[in-house]
């Protein structure tokens, strides 16, 4: 009796796995067709293009601490009211305190530091890098205020509506 139950369960599991494989194969076929269409379109614009040589870039891995764009908003909020430029370490400590992240975990602090530093380096249009006494500090460029979180961004000109 137990052998038939085991066989029945294994048979059901095999059918489930086979269905997953079939669905994935259909998706792969669809992606191959999409890729062929994209390559054909590329050749319409440049007959000499070799799509096979195009290198793909891996998607940027998001972290668990910040929603998209949140780190950049926070690095603007912290030094905005400061009387002097702030070091990266000071900004990291304030951001961690604002997010209520534990400050005793060295690995978390290191990863947050790396994330904040990357955001600071990408925000060159609104945050200025200042070197003082051999160390690097940051300050918000005068008069520049980022959009509030609730601001609506109009992405399309009126001619396209």
Foldseek 3Di string as FASTA:
>chain_A
DVVVVVVVVVVVVVVVVVVVVVVVVVVVVVVVVVVVVVVVVVCVVPVPDDVVPDDDDDDDDDDDQDDVPRLLLLLQVVQAPPPDFAALLVSLVVVCVVSVHDPVDPVVSVVSSVVNVVSQVVPVVFKPWDADPNGITIHGPPPDDDDDPPDDDDPDDPVVD
